[in-house]
Amino acid sequence: MLLQGHYQNAYVTHDLDRAMELVRKRYGLKDYIVFEPDMVLKTPAGDKPSKVRAALGWSGGLQIELIEPVGGFLDHYLPYLPKDRSDPTPRFHHIALRRDDIDAMRVEIDRLGLPLAFEGEVPGLVYIYLDARESLGHYLEYIWATAEGWEMVGWPKGRPVF
């Protein structure tokens, strides 16, 4: 399947509120789902706490995720941020790929042979970040979720799954 199921482009920012306003003004994206998860990420070096503020918005069939790193383990976000901390401009970080079979997703991930950056879960949703910077210049996020998990992230009613 590889890049099939691409539904999200994700960006990091120093200031989530200002980034949402920039994207709203320029591109008309509004009606964000905002959340501030306290996560425990499973990394190759062990479990690490991480906190972000994130916003999800849909433009047709494409979800835009804006992420403000807040605390804990943030190593995978920091290199993408502007040097100037007062600059809220979102910077591209990763794409997300939807998968509906968690076991097949893990087999596909193993077959790709990309380094694991981290993985985590929230109720009804598992996410796995792979380091594809060597071949694509960014991370890949694989996501499996229950029907309730997809509803939680605002999957548009009637949007086909590719």
Protein backbone atom coordinates (compact mmCIF):
# COMPACT_ATOMS: atom_id res chain seq x y z
CA MET A 1 0.00 0.00 0.00
CA LEU A 2 2.89 2.33 0.78
CA LEU A 3 1.66 5.93 0.37
CA GLN A 4 -1.97 5.01 -0.26
CA GLY A 5 -4.29 6.33 2.39
CA HIS A 6 -2.52 9.71 2.61
CA TYR A 7 -5.04 12.01 4.21
CA GLN A 8 -3.05 14.50 6.28
CA ASN A 9 -0.26 17.04 5.96
CA ALA A 10 1.18 18.13 9.31
CA TYR A 11 3.12 21.23 10.27
CA VAL A 12 4.92 22.42 13.40
CA THR A 13 4.80 25.93 14.78
CA HIS A 14 6.02 27.97 17.75
CA ASP A 15 2.52 29.39 18.33
CA LEU A 16 -0.55 27.29 17.58
CA ASP A 17 -3.08 30.09 17.95
CA ARG A 18 -1.24 32.44 15.59
CA ALA A 19 -0.59 29.60 13.10
CA MET A 20 -4.31 28.72 13.04
CA GLU A 21 -5.10 32.37 12.34
CA LEU A 22 -2.48 32.54 9.55
CA VAL A 23 -3.90 29.43 7.87
CA ARG A 24 -7.48 30.64 8.37
CA LYS A 25 -6.80 34.05 6.81
CA ARG A 26 -4.77 32.78 3.86
CA TYR A 27 -6.45 29.45 3.11
CA GLY A 28 -9.86 29.65 4.76
CA LEU A 29 -9.30 26.70 7.08
CA LYS A 30 -11.47 26.99 10.17
CA ASP A 31 -13.45 24.80 12.54
CA TYR A 32 -10.36 23.27 14.09
CA ILE A 33 -10.44 20.41 16.57
CA VAL A 34 -7.92 21.51 19.23
CA PHE A 35 -6.42 19.18 21.80
CA GLU A 36 -3.51 19.14 24.25
CA PRO A 37 -2.50 15.54 24.86
CA ASP A 38 -0.05 14.41 27.50
CA MET A 39 1.55 11.48 25.72
CA VAL A 40 3.99 8.74 26.60
CA LEU A 41 5.90 7.94 23.42
CA LYS A 42 7.56 4.59 22.88
CA THR A 43 10.95 5.36 21.34
CA PRO A 44 13.94 3.15 20.52
CA ALA A 45 15.52 4.65 23.67
CA GLY A 46 12.55 3.82 25.90
CA ASP A 47 9.33 5.52 26.97
CA LYS A 48 9.40 9.32 27.00
CA PRO A 49 6.74 11.82 28.07
CA SER A 50 5.76 14.47 25.52
CA LYS A 51 3.24 17.29 25.42
CA VAL A 52 1.97 19.23 22.41
CA ARG A 53 -0.90 21.51 21.49
CA ALA A 54 -2.43 20.43 18.21
CA ALA A 55 -5.20 21.52 15.88
CA LEU A 56 -6.87 19.49 13.14
CA GLY A 57 -8.80 21.09 10.30
CA TRP A 58 -10.19 19.69 7.08
CA SER A 59 -9.99 21.20 3.61
CA GLY A 60 -12.09 18.92 1.46
CA GLY A 61 -10.58 15.46 1.87
CA LEU A 62 -7.24 16.69 3.23
CA GLN A 63 -6.67 17.14 6.93
CA ILE A 64 -4.20 19.80 8.05
CA GLU A 65 -2.58 19.27 11.44
CA LEU A 66 -0.80 22.11 13.21
CA ILE A 67 1.43 21.12 16.14
CA GLU A 68 3.01 23.31 18.80
CA PRO A 69 5.63 21.37 20.77
CA VAL A 70 5.21 22.20 24.47
CA GLY A 71 7.34 19.96 26.68
CA GLY A 72 9.08 16.67 27.30
CA PHE A 73 10.47 14.66 24.39
CA LEU A 74 10.25 16.92 21.33
CA ASP A 75 13.43 16.00 19.43
CA HIS A 76 11.57 15.07 16.23
CA TYR A 77 9.79 18.46 16.03
CA LEU A 78 12.47 20.97 16.98
CA PRO A 79 14.67 20.86 13.82
CA TYR A 80 11.66 21.87 11.70
CA LEU A 81 10.77 25.00 13.65
CA PRO A 82 11.89 28.47 12.54
CA LYS A 83 15.01 29.73 14.34
CA ASP A 84 13.09 32.85 15.38
CA ARG A 85 10.80 31.78 18.25
CA SER A 86 8.48 34.71 17.51
CA ASP A 87 7.80 33.34 14.00
CA PRO A 88 4.52 31.36 14.05
CA THR A 89 4.80 30.22 10.41
CA PRO A 90 3.87 26.53 10.17
CA ARG A 91 6.68 24.34 8.80
CA PHE A 92 6.03 21.01 7.08
CA HIS A 93 6.79 17.99 9.28
CA HIS A 94 5.02 14.79 8.11
CA ILE A 95 2.20 13.15 6.20
CA ALA A 96 -0.22 10.71 7.78
CA LEU A 97 -1.45 7.48 6.22
CA ARG A 98 -4.70 5.83 7.29
CA ARG A 99 -4.76 2.11 7.91
CA ASP A 100 -7.80 0.09 8.96
CA ASP A 101 -6.04 -3.19 9.82
CA ILE A 102 -3.54 -2.74 12.66
CA ASP A 103 -1.79 -6.08 12.08
CA ALA A 104 -1.36 -5.43 8.34
CA MET A 105 -0.13 -1.92 9.20
CA ARG A 106 2.60 -3.32 11.43
CA VAL A 107 3.64 -5.82 8.74
CA GLU A 108 3.83 -3.00 6.18
CA ILE A 109 5.90 -0.88 8.56
CA ASP A 110 8.33 -3.75 9.15
CA ARG A 111 8.60 -4.35 5.41
CA LEU A 112 9.47 -0.69 4.77
CA GLY A 113 12.52 -0.97 7.01
CA LEU A 114 12.47 2.70 8.01
CA PRO A 115 13.75 3.70 11.45
CA LEU A 116 11.10 4.05 14.14
CA ALA A 117 10.96 7.58 15.52
CA PHE A 118 8.27 6.76 18.10
CA GLU A 119 4.81 5.36 18.57
CA GLY A 120 1.95 6.06 20.89
CA GLU A 121 -1.74 5.66 21.41
CA VAL A 122 -4.81 7.34 22.75
CA PRO A 123 -8.07 5.50 23.35
CA GLY A 124 -9.22 4.18 19.98
CA LEU A 125 -6.16 5.30 17.99
CA VAL A 126 -2.58 4.07 17.43
CA TYR A 127 0.04 6.24 15.71
CA ILE A 128 3.51 5.23 14.55
CA TYR A 129 6.06 7.72 13.24
CA LEU A 130 8.76 6.47 10.89
CA ASP A 131 11.83 8.45 9.95
CA ALA A 132 11.60 8.79 6.16
CA ARG A 133 13.82 11.89 6.01
CA GLU A 134 16.52 10.06 4.04
CA SER A 135 14.15 9.18 1.21
CA LEU A 136 11.31 11.74 1.45
CA GLY A 137 12.72 14.56 3.57
CA HIS A 138 10.09 14.16 6.31
CA TYR A 139 8.46 11.74 8.70
CA LEU A 140 5.64 9.32 7.88
CA GLU A 141 2.87 8.75 10.39
CA TYR A 142 0.83 5.57 10.17
CA ILE A 143 -2.52 5.72 11.95
CA TRP A 144 -4.97 2.99 12.84
CA ALA A 145 -8.19 3.88 14.64
CA THR A 146 -11.55 2.49 15.58
CA ALA A 147 -14.65 4.05 14.03
CA GLU A 148 -14.90 6.20 17.17
CA GLY A 149 -11.25 7.19 16.82
CA TRP A 150 -11.78 8.37 13.24
CA GLU A 151 -14.84 10.29 14.39
CA MET A 152 -12.75 11.90 17.17
CA VAL A 153 -10.31 13.33 14.59
CA GLY A 154 -13.17 14.61 12.45
CA TRP A 155 -13.04 12.15 9.54
CA PRO A 156 -15.57 13.68 7.08
CA LYS A 157 -18.80 11.75 6.68
CA GLY A 158 -18.78 10.07 3.27
CA ARG A 159 -15.03 10.63 2.63
CA PRO A 160 -13.80 7.47 0.96
CA VAL A 161 -10.87 5.55 2.38
CA PHE A 162 -8.24 5.01 -0.29
